[in-house]
């Protein structure tokens, strides 16, 4: 019994790799199935390639966004420091202007009622 199974396996192996499959119209009968499989494989490979490209582009844009955020934070920090009152007073003194800070409150003049 075991020898019969081994012999059948050997015959089918020789049948496929010996080229007898090509002469028995196996491919002609299954040509549509084989073509559909090839088209599906091509679509799968192209879709995977497209997805990998998009993932790489997303990673590149994430890095670019991170850099832009750090640059924005740096510029915001510089502007906040430059706009502080002490920095403004220091720059006014360095430029030689004769401006001083008024310590008295501002007076409002209201138009009288008629």
N, C-alpha and C. Protein backbone atom coordinates (compact mmCIF):
# COMPACT_ATOMS: atom_id res chain seq x y z
N UNK A 1 0.82 -1.19 0.00
CA UNK A 1 0.00 0.00 0.00
C UNK A 1 0.87 1.26 0.00
N UNK A 2 1.88 1.28 0.85
CA UNK A 2 2.76 2.44 0.95
C UNK A 2 3.56 2.61 -0.33
N UNK A 3 3.92 1.48 -0.94
CA UNK A 3 4.71 1.55 -2.16
C UNK A 3 3.88 2.11 -3.30
N UNK A 4 2.58 1.85 -3.30
CA UNK A 4 1.69 2.35 -4.35
C UNK A 4 1.59 3.87 -4.24
N UNK A 5 1.44 4.38 -3.04
CA UNK A 5 1.35 5.84 -2.84
C UNK A 5 2.65 6.53 -3.25
N UNK A 6 3.78 5.95 -2.88
CA UNK A 6 5.08 6.51 -3.24
C UNK A 6 5.27 6.49 -4.75
N UNK A 7 4.80 5.43 -5.37
CA UNK A 7 4.91 5.31 -6.83
C UNK A 7 4.01 6.35 -7.52
N UNK A 8 2.82 6.57 -6.98
CA UNK A 8 1.92 7.59 -7.54
C UNK A 8 2.51 9.00 -7.41
N UNK A 9 3.11 9.29 -6.27
CA UNK A 9 3.75 10.59 -6.06
C UNK A 9 4.89 10.77 -7.03
N UNK A 10 5.67 9.74 -7.23
CA UNK A 10 6.81 9.82 -8.15
C UNK A 10 6.31 10.06 -9.58
N UNK A 11 5.22 9.37 -9.98
CA UNK A 11 4.68 9.53 -11.33
C UNK A 11 4.15 10.94 -11.54
N UNK A 12 3.43 11.49 -10.54
CA UNK A 12 2.90 12.84 -10.69
C UNK A 12 4.03 13.87 -10.72
N UNK A 13 5.07 13.64 -9.95
CA UNK A 13 6.23 14.54 -9.96
C UNK A 13 6.89 14.52 -11.34
N UNK A 14 7.10 13.33 -11.88
CA UNK A 14 7.71 13.20 -13.21
C UNK A 14 6.77 13.77 -14.26
N UNK A 15 5.47 13.61 -14.08
CA UNK A 15 4.48 14.12 -15.02
C UNK A 15 4.54 15.65 -15.10
N UNK A 16 4.63 16.33 -13.94
CA UNK A 16 4.65 17.79 -13.91
C UNK A 16 6.00 18.33 -14.39
N UNK A 17 7.09 17.83 -13.83
CA UNK A 17 8.40 18.37 -14.16
C UNK A 17 9.00 17.79 -15.44
N UNK A 18 8.40 16.74 -15.95
CA UNK A 18 8.87 16.17 -17.21
C UNK A 18 8.33 16.90 -18.42
N UNK A 19 7.32 17.75 -18.23
CA UNK A 19 6.76 18.53 -19.33
C UNK A 19 5.51 17.92 -19.92
N UNK A 20 5.04 16.83 -19.40
CA UNK A 20 3.83 16.20 -19.93
C UNK A 20 2.59 17.05 -19.68
N UNK A 21 2.63 17.90 -18.68
CA UNK A 21 1.49 18.77 -18.37
C UNK A 21 1.24 19.73 -19.53
N UNK A 22 2.30 20.18 -20.16
CA UNK A 22 2.17 21.15 -21.26
C UNK A 22 1.52 20.53 -22.49
N UNK A 23 1.67 19.27 -22.68
CA UNK A 23 1.12 18.61 -23.87
C UNK A 23 -0.32 18.17 -23.68
N UNK A 24 -0.87 18.25 -22.49
CA UNK A 24 -2.23 17.75 -22.23
C UNK A 24 -3.27 18.86 -22.14
N UNK A 25 -2.98 20.05 -22.65
CA UNK A 25 -3.91 21.19 -22.64
C UNK A 25 -4.31 21.63 -21.23
N UNK A 26 -3.48 21.37 -20.26
CA UNK A 26 -3.76 21.81 -18.89
C UNK A 26 -3.80 23.34 -18.81
N UNK A 27 -2.83 23.99 -19.42
CA UNK A 27 -2.76 25.45 -19.37
C UNK A 27 -3.85 26.08 -20.23
N UNK A 28 -4.20 25.46 -21.34
CA UNK A 28 -5.24 26.00 -22.20
C UNK A 28 -6.59 25.96 -21.48
N UNK A 29 -6.87 24.89 -20.77
CA UNK A 29 -8.13 24.77 -20.03
C UNK A 29 -8.21 25.75 -18.86
N UNK A 30 -7.08 26.05 -18.26
CA UNK A 30 -7.05 26.92 -17.07
C UNK A 30 -6.46 28.29 -17.37
N UNK A 31 -6.45 28.69 -18.62
CA UNK A 31 -5.81 29.95 -19.00
C UNK A 31 -6.48 31.16 -18.35
N UNK A 32 -7.80 31.21 -18.30
CA UNK A 32 -8.48 32.36 -17.68
C UNK A 32 -8.16 32.44 -16.19
N UNK A 33 -8.13 31.32 -15.52
CA UNK A 33 -7.79 31.31 -14.10
C UNK A 33 -6.36 31.81 -13.87
N UNK A 34 -5.45 31.35 -14.68
CA UNK A 34 -4.05 31.76 -14.56
C UNK A 34 -3.90 33.26 -14.84
N UNK A 35 -4.61 33.78 -15.86
CA UNK A 35 -4.55 35.21 -16.17
C UNK A 35 -5.12 36.05 -15.03
N UNK A 36 -6.22 35.59 -14.45
CA UNK A 36 -6.81 36.32 -13.32
C UNK A 36 -5.84 36.35 -12.14
N UNK A 37 -5.18 35.23 -11.88
CA UNK A 37 -4.20 35.19 -10.80
C UNK A 37 -3.04 36.15 -11.05
N UNK A 38 -2.56 36.20 -12.29
CA UNK A 38 -1.45 37.10 -12.63
C UNK A 38 -1.88 38.55 -12.47
N UNK A 39 -3.09 38.91 -12.93
CA UNK A 39 -3.58 40.28 -12.78
C UNK A 39 -3.73 40.65 -11.30
N UNK A 40 -4.25 39.74 -10.51
CA UNK A 40 -4.40 40.00 -9.07
C UNK A 40 -3.03 40.19 -8.41
N UNK A 41 -2.06 39.39 -8.79
CA UNK A 41 -0.71 39.54 -8.23
C UNK A 41 -0.11 40.88 -8.61
N UNK A 42 -0.28 41.29 -9.86
CA UNK A 42 0.26 42.59 -10.30
C UNK A 42 -0.42 43.73 -9.54
N UNK A 43 -1.74 43.66 -9.39
CA UNK A 43 -2.45 44.70 -8.64
C UNK A 43 -2.01 44.74 -7.19
N UNK A 44 -1.84 43.58 -6.58
CA UNK A 44 -1.40 43.53 -5.18
C UNK A 44 -0.01 44.14 -5.02
N UNK A 45 0.90 43.81 -5.91
CA UNK A 45 2.27 44.33 -5.82
C UNK A 45 2.28 45.84 -6.03
N UNK A 46 1.52 46.34 -7.02
CA UNK A 46 1.51 47.78 -7.28
C UNK A 46 0.85 48.54 -6.12
N UNK A 47 -0.21 47.96 -5.54
CA UNK A 47 -0.85 48.60 -4.40
C UNK A 47 0.09 48.67 -3.20
N UNK A 48 0.80 47.60 -2.96
CA UNK A 48 1.75 47.58 -1.84
C UNK A 48 2.86 48.61 -2.04
N UNK A 49 3.35 48.72 -3.27
CA UNK A 49 4.39 49.70 -3.58
C UNK A 49 3.87 51.12 -3.34
N UNK A 50 2.64 51.38 -3.76
CA UNK A 50 2.05 52.71 -3.56
C UNK A 50 1.89 53.02 -2.07
N UNK A 51 1.44 52.04 -1.31
CA UNK A 51 1.27 52.24 0.13
C UNK A 51 2.62 52.52 0.80
N UNK A 52 3.64 51.79 0.41
CA UNK A 52 4.98 52.02 0.99
C UNK A 52 5.50 53.41 0.65
N UNK A 53 5.23 53.88 -0.57
CA UNK A 53 5.64 55.23 -0.94
C UNK A 53 4.91 56.27 -0.09
N UNK A 54 3.62 56.07 0.11
CA UNK A 54 2.85 57.03 0.91
C UNK A 54 3.31 57.03 2.36
N UNK A 55 3.62 55.87 2.90
CA UNK A 55 4.12 55.81 4.28
C UNK A 55 5.45 56.54 4.40
N UNK A 56 6.32 56.37 3.42
CA UNK A 56 7.61 57.08 3.44
C UNK A 56 7.40 58.58 3.34
N UNK A 57 6.45 59.01 2.52
CA UNK A 57 6.15 60.44 2.39
C UNK A 57 5.58 60.99 3.70
N UNK A 58 4.72 60.21 4.36
CA UNK A 58 4.17 60.65 5.64
C UNK A 58 5.26 60.80 6.69
N UNK A 59 6.20 59.88 6.73
CA UNK A 59 7.30 59.97 7.69
C UNK A 59 8.16 61.20 7.41
N UNK A 60 8.41 61.48 6.13
CA UNK A 60 9.20 62.65 5.76
C UNK A 60 8.48 63.93 6.18
N UNK A 61 7.16 63.97 5.97
CA UNK A 61 6.39 65.16 6.34
C UNK A 61 6.30 65.32 7.86
N UNK A 62 6.28 64.20 8.60
CA UNK A 62 6.28 64.29 10.07
C UNK A 62 7.57 64.93 10.57
N UNK A 63 8.69 64.53 9.98
CA UNK A 63 9.98 65.10 10.37
C UNK A 63 10.01 66.58 10.02
N UNK A 64 9.50 66.93 8.84
CA UNK A 64 9.48 68.33 8.41
C UNK A 64 8.60 69.17 9.32
N UNK A 65 7.44 68.61 9.73
CA UNK A 65 6.55 69.31 10.64
C UNK A 65 7.20 69.51 12.00
N UNK A 66 7.89 68.50 12.47
CA UNK A 66 8.58 68.61 13.76
C UNK A 66 9.63 69.72 13.71
N UNK A 67 10.41 69.77 12.62
CA UNK A 67 11.41 70.82 12.46
C UNK A 67 10.75 72.20 12.42
N UNK A 68 9.63 72.31 11.71
CA UNK A 68 8.93 73.59 11.62
C UNK A 68 8.40 74.02 12.98
N UNK A 69 7.92 73.07 13.77
CA UNK A 69 7.43 73.40 15.12
C UNK A 69 8.56 73.92 16.00
N UNK A 70 9.72 73.26 15.93
CA UNK A 70 10.85 73.72 16.73
C UNK A 70 11.31 75.10 16.29
N UNK A 71 11.33 75.34 14.99
CA UNK A 71 11.73 76.65 14.48
C UNK A 71 10.73 77.72 14.92
N UNK A 72 9.43 77.39 14.86
CA UNK A 72 8.40 78.33 15.31
C UNK A 72 8.54 78.63 16.79
N UNK A 73 8.81 77.63 17.58
CA UNK A 73 8.99 77.82 19.02
C UNK A 73 10.20 78.69 19.31
N UNK A 74 11.28 78.49 18.56
CA UNK A 74 12.48 79.28 18.73
C UNK A 74 12.23 80.74 18.38
N UNK A 75 11.54 80.98 17.27
CA UNK A 75 11.23 82.35 16.85
C UNK A 75 10.29 83.01 17.85
N UNK A 76 9.28 82.27 18.32
CA UNK A 76 8.36 82.81 19.32
C UNK A 76 9.08 83.17 20.61
N UNK A 77 10.03 82.35 21.01
CA UNK A 77 10.81 82.63 22.21
C UNK A 77 11.64 83.91 22.03
N UNK A 78 12.27 84.03 20.86
CA UNK A 78 13.06 85.23 20.60
C UNK A 78 12.20 86.49 20.59
N UNK A 79 11.01 86.41 19.99
CA UNK A 79 10.12 87.58 19.94
C UNK A 79 9.58 87.93 21.32
N UNK A 80 9.28 86.92 22.12
CA UNK A 80 8.80 87.18 23.47
C UNK A 80 9.87 87.86 24.30
N UNK A 81 11.10 87.40 24.16
CA UNK A 81 12.21 88.02 24.89
C UNK A 81 12.44 89.45 24.42
N UNK A 82 12.35 89.67 23.11
CA UNK A 82 12.61 91.02 22.58
C UNK A 82 11.49 91.99 22.95
N UNK A 83 10.30 91.52 23.19
CA UNK A 83 9.18 92.43 23.47
C UNK A 83 8.99 92.71 24.95
N UNK A 84 9.79 92.15 25.82
CA UNK A 84 9.68 92.43 27.25
C UNK A 84 10.09 93.88 27.52
N UNK A 85 9.46 94.47 28.51
CA UNK A 85 9.67 95.89 28.79
C UNK A 85 11.13 96.18 29.13
N UNK A 86 11.75 95.29 29.88
CA UNK A 86 13.16 95.51 30.24
C UNK A 86 14.05 95.52 29.01
N UNK A 87 13.79 94.64 28.06
CA UNK A 87 14.58 94.61 26.83
C UNK A 87 14.35 95.87 26.00
N UNK A 88 13.11 96.34 26.00
CA UNK A 88 12.82 97.55 25.23
C UNK A 88 13.55 98.75 25.85
N UNK A 89 13.51 98.85 27.17
CA UNK A 89 14.22 99.95 27.85
C UNK A 89 15.71 99.88 27.56
N UNK A 90 16.27 98.70 27.60
CA UNK A 90 17.70 98.53 27.33
C UNK A 90 18.06 98.97 25.91
N UNK A 91 17.23 98.62 24.96
CA UNK A 91 17.50 99.01 23.57
C UNK A 91 17.34 100.52 23.37
N UNK A 92 16.40 101.11 24.07
CA UNK A 92 16.23 102.57 23.97
C UNK A 92 17.47 103.27 24.51
N UNK A 93 17.99 102.79 25.65
CA UNK A 93 19.21 103.38 26.22
C UNK A 93 20.41 103.18 25.31
N UNK A 94 20.54 101.99 24.72
CA UNK A 94 21.68 101.70 23.84
C UNK A 94 21.65 102.57 22.58
N UNK A 95 20.46 102.89 22.11
CA UNK A 95 20.38 103.69 20.89
C UNK A 95 20.55 105.18 21.17
N UNK A 96 20.59 105.57 22.43
CA UNK A 96 20.87 106.96 22.80
C UNK A 96 19.65 107.85 22.76
N UNK A 97 18.48 107.31 22.75
CA UNK A 97 17.26 108.13 22.77
C UNK A 97 17.04 108.66 24.18
N UNK A 98 16.44 109.79 24.28
CA UNK A 98 16.20 110.43 25.57
C UNK A 98 14.80 110.11 26.09
N UNK A 99 14.36 108.90 25.89
CA UNK A 99 13.03 108.53 26.33
C UNK A 99 13.10 107.90 27.71
N UNK A 100 12.08 108.22 28.53
CA UNK A 100 12.00 107.65 29.87
C UNK A 100 10.58 107.16 30.10
N UNK A 101 10.46 106.26 31.02
CA UNK A 101 9.15 105.72 31.33
C UNK A 101 8.43 106.68 32.26
N UNK A 102 7.18 106.92 31.95
CA UNK A 102 6.36 107.80 32.76
C UNK A 102 5.79 107.01 33.92
N UNK A 103 6.06 107.43 35.13
CA UNK A 103 5.58 106.72 36.32
C UNK A 103 4.25 107.26 36.81
N UNK A 104 3.80 108.36 36.25
CA UNK A 104 2.53 108.96 36.67
C UNK A 104 1.40 108.38 35.81
N UNK A 105 0.24 108.26 36.39
CA UNK A 105 -0.88 107.71 35.63
C UNK A 105 -1.30 108.63 34.49
N UNK A 106 -1.96 108.08 33.54
CA UNK A 106 -2.41 108.83 32.39
C UNK A 106 -3.69 109.55 32.75
N UNK A 107 -3.78 110.84 32.34
CA UNK A 107 -4.98 111.62 32.60
C UNK A 107 -5.87 111.58 31.37
N UNK A 108 -7.16 111.47 31.62
CA UNK A 108 -8.12 111.51 30.53
C UNK A 108 -8.87 112.84 30.58
N UNK A 109 -8.96 113.44 29.45
CA UNK A 109 -9.70 114.70 29.34
C UNK A 109 -11.02 114.36 28.68
N UNK A 110 -12.07 114.67 29.40
CA UNK A 110 -13.40 114.41 28.87
C UNK A 110 -14.03 115.72 28.44
N UNK A 111 -14.73 115.61 27.37
CA UNK A 111 -15.41 116.78 26.84
C UNK A 111 -16.59 117.09 27.74
N UNK A 112 -16.73 118.33 28.10
CA UNK A 112 -17.81 118.72 29.01
C UNK A 112 -19.18 118.62 28.35
N UNK A 113 -20.20 118.42 29.20
CA UNK A 113 -21.56 118.32 28.70
C UNK A 113 -22.10 119.73 28.45
N UNK A 114 -22.86 119.87 27.40
CA UNK A 114 -23.45 121.18 27.06
C UNK A 114 -24.85 121.30 27.54
